[in-house]
Protein backbone atom coordinates (compact mmCIF):
# COMPACT_ATOMS: atom_id res chain seq x y z
CA MET A 1 -188.24 -71.25 -8.60
CA THR A 2 -185.20 -72.94 -7.25
CA PHE A 3 -182.92 -71.83 -4.69
CA SER A 4 -180.02 -71.87 -7.51
CA ASP A 5 -182.39 -70.21 -9.62
CA GLY A 6 -183.29 -67.57 -6.79
CA ALA A 7 -179.50 -66.95 -6.44
CA ALA A 8 -178.72 -66.69 -9.67
CA ASP A 9 -181.36 -63.86 -10.07
CA TRP A 10 -180.17 -62.46 -7.24
CA TRP A 11 -176.51 -62.07 -8.52
CA GLN A 12 -177.69 -61.01 -11.61
CA ALA A 13 -179.20 -58.04 -9.99
CA LEU A 14 -176.18 -57.30 -7.68
CA VAL A 15 -174.06 -57.01 -10.77
CA ALA A 16 -176.33 -55.22 -12.25
CA GLY A 17 -176.75 -52.72 -9.56
CA VAL A 18 -173.03 -52.28 -9.35
CA THR A 19 -172.84 -51.72 -13.12
CA ARG A 20 -175.81 -49.83 -14.00
CA HIS A 21 -175.40 -45.86 -14.05
CA ASP A 22 -179.21 -44.18 -14.23
CA VAL A 23 -178.68 -40.20 -14.73
CA PRO A 24 -180.99 -39.20 -12.09
CA VAL A 25 -183.65 -36.40 -12.98
CA PHE A 26 -184.81 -34.50 -9.48
CA GLU A 27 -187.16 -31.79 -9.68
CA ALA A 28 -186.87 -29.00 -7.13
CA PRO A 29 -190.23 -30.60 -5.11
CA VAL A 30 -189.22 -33.68 -4.84
CA VAL A 31 -185.73 -33.12 -3.36
CA LEU A 32 -187.84 -31.11 -1.11
CA ALA A 33 -189.71 -33.72 -0.25
CA ILE A 34 -186.87 -35.98 -0.04
CA VAL A 35 -185.48 -34.03 2.56
CA ALA A 36 -188.58 -33.40 4.23
CA ALA A 37 -188.90 -37.46 4.51
CA ALA A 38 -185.62 -37.65 6.12
CA VAL A 39 -185.86 -35.23 8.35
CA VAL A 40 -189.09 -37.08 9.75
CA LEU A 41 -187.07 -40.61 9.62
CA SER A 42 -184.05 -39.07 11.97
CA VAL A 43 -185.30 -36.38 13.93
CA PRO A 44 -188.94 -37.35 16.10
CA ARG A 45 -188.42 -39.73 18.57
CA VAL A 46 -190.87 -42.16 17.46
CA THR A 47 -188.68 -43.03 14.26
CA TRP A 48 -185.54 -42.03 15.64
CA ARG A 49 -185.91 -45.26 18.13
CA TRP A 50 -185.97 -47.92 14.78
CA PHE A 51 -183.92 -45.70 12.46
CA GLY A 52 -181.24 -44.71 15.23
CA LEU A 53 -180.07 -48.57 15.52
CA TYR A 54 -179.22 -48.66 11.98
CA VAL A 55 -177.24 -45.28 12.81
CA THR A 56 -175.67 -46.73 15.67
CA PHE A 57 -174.91 -49.96 13.14
CA VAL A 58 -173.02 -47.51 11.22
CA HIS A 59 -171.52 -45.97 13.72
CA GLU A 60 -170.06 -49.38 14.99
CA LEU A 61 -169.11 -50.52 11.65
CA GLY A 62 -167.07 -47.35 11.00
CA HIS A 63 -165.14 -48.61 14.18
CA ALA A 64 -164.62 -52.22 12.63
CA PHE A 65 -163.17 -51.12 9.16
CA ALA A 66 -161.06 -48.52 10.31
CA ALA A 67 -159.71 -51.30 12.91
CA LEU A 68 -159.56 -53.92 9.66
CA MET A 69 -157.62 -51.07 8.01
CA THR A 70 -154.76 -51.10 10.49
CA GLY A 71 -154.54 -54.72 10.81
CA ARG A 72 -156.35 -55.03 14.10
CA ILE A 73 -158.39 -58.00 14.71
CA VAL A 74 -161.68 -58.10 15.17
CA HIS A 75 -163.61 -59.87 17.89
CA GLY A 76 -167.78 -58.89 18.13
CA LEU A 77 -169.52 -56.53 17.55
CA ARG A 78 -172.54 -55.51 19.58
CA ILE A 79 -175.63 -52.59 19.23
CA GLY A 80 -178.27 -52.55 21.88
CA LEU A 81 -181.91 -51.49 21.75
CA ASP A 82 -181.43 -48.33 23.61
CA HIS A 83 -178.88 -47.27 21.11
CA SER A 84 -175.43 -48.25 22.38
CA GLY A 85 -173.07 -50.24 20.65
CA GLN A 86 -169.45 -51.93 21.67
CA LEU A 87 -166.93 -53.38 19.16
CA LEU A 88 -163.99 -55.32 20.45
CA SER A 89 -160.70 -55.26 18.50
CA SER A 90 -157.20 -56.21 19.21
CA GLY A 91 -153.56 -55.71 17.67
CA ARG A 92 -150.66 -53.52 18.29
CA GLY A 93 -149.62 -50.24 18.81
CA ARG A 94 -151.63 -46.70 20.07
CA PHE A 95 -152.14 -46.11 16.40
CA GLY A 96 -154.57 -48.75 15.23
CA ALA A 97 -156.78 -48.27 18.19
CA ALA A 98 -157.08 -44.58 18.18
CA TRP A 99 -157.70 -44.64 14.38
CA SER A 100 -160.11 -47.04 14.87
CA GLY A 101 -161.67 -45.06 18.12
CA PHE A 102 -162.20 -42.19 16.22
CA TRP A 103 -164.15 -43.54 13.07
CA GLY A 104 -167.83 -44.35 14.93
CA TYR A 105 -168.96 -40.63 15.31
CA PRO A 106 -168.15 -39.22 12.03
CA THR A 107 -168.94 -42.40 9.73
CA PRO A 108 -172.75 -42.33 9.36
CA ALA A 109 -172.32 -38.48 7.84
CA LEU A 110 -169.17 -39.70 5.63
CA VAL A 111 -171.74 -42.98 4.40
CA GLY A 112 -174.67 -40.50 3.96
CA ALA A 113 -172.44 -37.93 2.07
CA ALA A 114 -171.27 -41.29 0.08
CA LEU A 115 -175.03 -41.99 -0.74
CA ILE A 116 -176.14 -38.42 -1.87
CA TRP A 117 -173.15 -38.12 -4.02
CA ALA A 118 -173.94 -41.84 -5.56
CA ALA A 119 -177.55 -40.48 -6.64
CA SER A 120 -176.10 -37.32 -7.85
CA ILE A 121 -174.46 -39.12 -10.31
CA GLY A 122 -176.67 -42.19 -10.78
CA ARG A 123 -175.21 -44.98 -9.07
CA SER A 124 -177.95 -45.64 -6.41
CA GLY A 125 -178.01 -49.22 -7.50
CA ALA A 126 -173.94 -49.68 -7.08
CA ALA A 127 -174.47 -47.96 -3.58
CA LEU A 128 -177.02 -50.12 -2.39
CA SER A 129 -175.58 -53.47 -4.00
CA ILE A 130 -172.39 -52.51 -1.95
CA GLY A 131 -173.77 -51.27 1.03
CA ALA A 132 -175.57 -54.94 1.33
CA VAL A 133 -172.81 -56.76 0.74
CA ALA A 134 -171.00 -54.74 3.13
CA LEU A 135 -173.62 -55.30 5.93
CA LEU A 136 -173.72 -59.33 5.28
CA ALA A 137 -169.91 -59.21 5.72
CA ALA A 138 -170.26 -57.86 8.95
CA LEU A 139 -172.02 -61.16 9.93
CA LEU A 140 -168.77 -62.37 10.42
CA PHE A 141 -168.18 -60.29 13.45
CA ILE A 142 -171.60 -59.55 15.24
CA ARG A 143 -172.51 -61.10 18.27
CA ASN A 144 -175.55 -59.92 19.29
CA LEU A 145 -179.29 -60.88 18.36
CA THR A 146 -180.30 -56.91 17.90
CA GLY A 147 -176.80 -56.35 15.50
CA ILE A 148 -177.53 -59.36 13.16
CA LEU A 149 -181.43 -58.23 12.60
CA VAL A 150 -180.37 -55.00 12.06
CA ALA A 151 -177.62 -55.86 9.23
CA VAL A 152 -179.71 -58.97 7.52
CA ALA A 153 -182.93 -56.23 7.38
CA SER A 154 -180.88 -53.84 5.84
CA ALA A 155 -179.58 -55.79 3.04
CA ALA A 156 -182.42 -57.60 2.69
CA THR A 157 -184.49 -54.19 2.01
CA ALA A 158 -181.44 -53.07 -0.13
CA GLN A 159 -181.27 -55.77 -2.64
CA LEU A 160 -185.41 -56.15 -2.79
CA LEU A 161 -185.06 -52.85 -3.86
CA VAL A 162 -182.71 -53.10 -6.28
CA VAL A 163 -184.31 -56.31 -8.08
CA SER A 164 -187.73 -54.94 -7.88
CA ALA A 165 -187.79 -51.06 -7.51
CA SER A 166 -187.05 -48.73 -10.71
CA ALA A 167 -184.60 -46.94 -11.41
CA ALA A 168 -186.21 -44.07 -9.97
CA THR A 169 -187.51 -45.19 -7.02
CA VAL A 170 -184.23 -46.45 -5.86
CA SER A 171 -182.94 -43.22 -6.60
CA HIS A 172 -184.86 -41.37 -3.93
CA VAL A 173 -184.64 -43.67 -1.60
CA VAL A 174 -181.01 -43.76 -1.78
CA LEU A 175 -181.02 -40.12 -1.27
CA VAL A 176 -183.60 -40.40 1.77
CA LEU A 177 -181.20 -42.68 3.50
CA GLY A 178 -178.08 -40.39 2.55
CA ILE A 179 -179.65 -37.46 4.01
CA ALA A 180 -181.31 -39.40 7.16
CA LEU A 181 -177.46 -40.75 8.05
CA GLY A 182 -176.31 -37.08 7.86
CA VAL A 183 -179.05 -35.86 10.35
CA GLY A 184 -178.70 -39.25 12.53
CA GLY A 185 -174.87 -38.26 12.46
CA VAL A 186 -175.35 -34.84 13.39
CA ARG A 187 -177.88 -35.81 16.01
CA ASP A 188 -175.22 -38.21 18.18
CA TRP A 189 -172.67 -35.63 17.69
CA PHE A 190 -174.64 -33.66 20.17
CA LYS A 191 -175.60 -35.97 22.12
CA VAL A 192 -172.50 -37.24 23.08
CA ALA A 193 -170.89 -33.15 23.47
CA SER A 194 -173.88 -33.26 25.92
CA VAL A 195 -172.12 -36.52 27.38
CA HIS A 196 -169.39 -34.24 28.52
CA VAL A 197 -171.06 -30.72 29.19
CA ARG A 198 -174.38 -32.09 31.30
CA HIS A 199 -174.54 -35.36 31.88
CA ARG A 200 -170.78 -36.39 33.28
CA GLY A 201 -171.79 -39.52 34.52
CA ARG A 202 -172.01 -41.22 31.29
CA LEU A 203 -168.57 -40.43 30.12
CA ALA A 204 -167.53 -43.90 30.09
CA SER A 205 -169.93 -44.23 27.21
CA SER A 206 -168.28 -41.17 25.11
CA ASP A 207 -165.54 -42.22 21.94
CA ALA A 208 -163.76 -39.21 22.49
CA TYR A 209 -163.38 -39.75 26.58
CA LEU A 210 -161.99 -43.12 25.74
CA LEU A 211 -159.50 -42.17 22.82
CA SER A 212 -158.36 -39.49 25.61
CA ARG A 213 -157.73 -41.84 28.55
CA SER A 214 -155.58 -43.84 25.97
CA THR A 215 -154.12 -41.31 23.95
CA GLY A 216 -153.76 -38.63 26.23
CA VAL A 217 -155.24 -36.12 24.04
CA PRO A 218 -157.83 -33.54 26.02
CA ALA A 219 -161.62 -35.12 24.88
CA ALA A 220 -162.58 -31.97 23.02
CA LEU A 221 -159.91 -32.08 20.80
CA TRP A 222 -161.18 -35.44 19.85
CA LEU A 223 -165.00 -33.65 19.98
CA GLY A 224 -163.79 -31.31 17.57
CA GLY A 225 -162.01 -33.56 15.27
CA PHE A 226 -165.54 -35.90 15.12
CA ALA A 227 -167.22 -32.07 14.45
CA VAL A 228 -164.70 -31.41 11.83
CA VAL A 229 -165.37 -34.50 9.52
CA ILE A 230 -168.87 -34.73 10.14
CA GLY A 231 -169.47 -30.67 9.07
CA ALA A 232 -167.45 -31.05 5.93
CA CYS A 233 -169.24 -33.91 5.32
CA SER A 234 -172.65 -32.31 5.76
CA ALA A 235 -171.47 -29.22 4.20
CA TYR A 236 -170.31 -31.73 0.67
CA SER A 237 -173.89 -33.01 1.33
CA ALA A 238 -175.66 -29.59 1.10
CA PHE A 239 -173.62 -28.26 -1.75
CA LEU A 240 -174.87 -31.70 -3.95
CA LEU A 241 -178.60 -31.37 -2.41
CA TRP A 242 -178.34 -27.26 -3.71
CA ARG A 243 -176.85 -28.71 -7.69
CA LEU A 244 -180.25 -30.90 -7.78
CA LEU A 245 -182.33 -28.02 -6.91
CA SER A 246 -180.77 -25.58 -9.24
């Protein structure tokens, strides 16, 4: 197979992933197993060490795309093996900076809910294909090796599933990923909240603290805003899962 043939096959798989509508059938034991798999992926320290990198990447992409929405220029994105992340952007006005600063912690829960919704209506292939394109587009402003590896590995895995896996397998994987991202978003919120309560020496790493410094709005209100969005996404995700179980 030539490179052009491989590229054509990939493009056809990408288009099929976006346009195909495979209505899933989820039995209750399967849904419970999927939830368990997602918890195993996002809770134990040994697995969170690696999956947390993906959650951090989604967090930083939330900042990046929110910045682009307001016309800001994104200069670079970095993530560290310690789950730290940094996005550099510039632009006029305080609103754009605050908007970008807000959409870090809520984004994993938001994306997780979107993936669960996509799986519930048979659009798992579309979710993976669109996600892969977004990840590859992010390469334009990723500025370190860890970020590049996470983006490429995630996009390649998504497209490998779309090309070679059955519709049922794709649906199950997307559901696991969506739940795991939701759990990861909640976990990260408790982590940043603990920085403000018990580890104030690390305040400089908190988006809520940085937003407070730049806007004058108390950090507690920003933490509350994160919690409202994350809570709403979690409630919607739970509703979708309950409907799958019914």
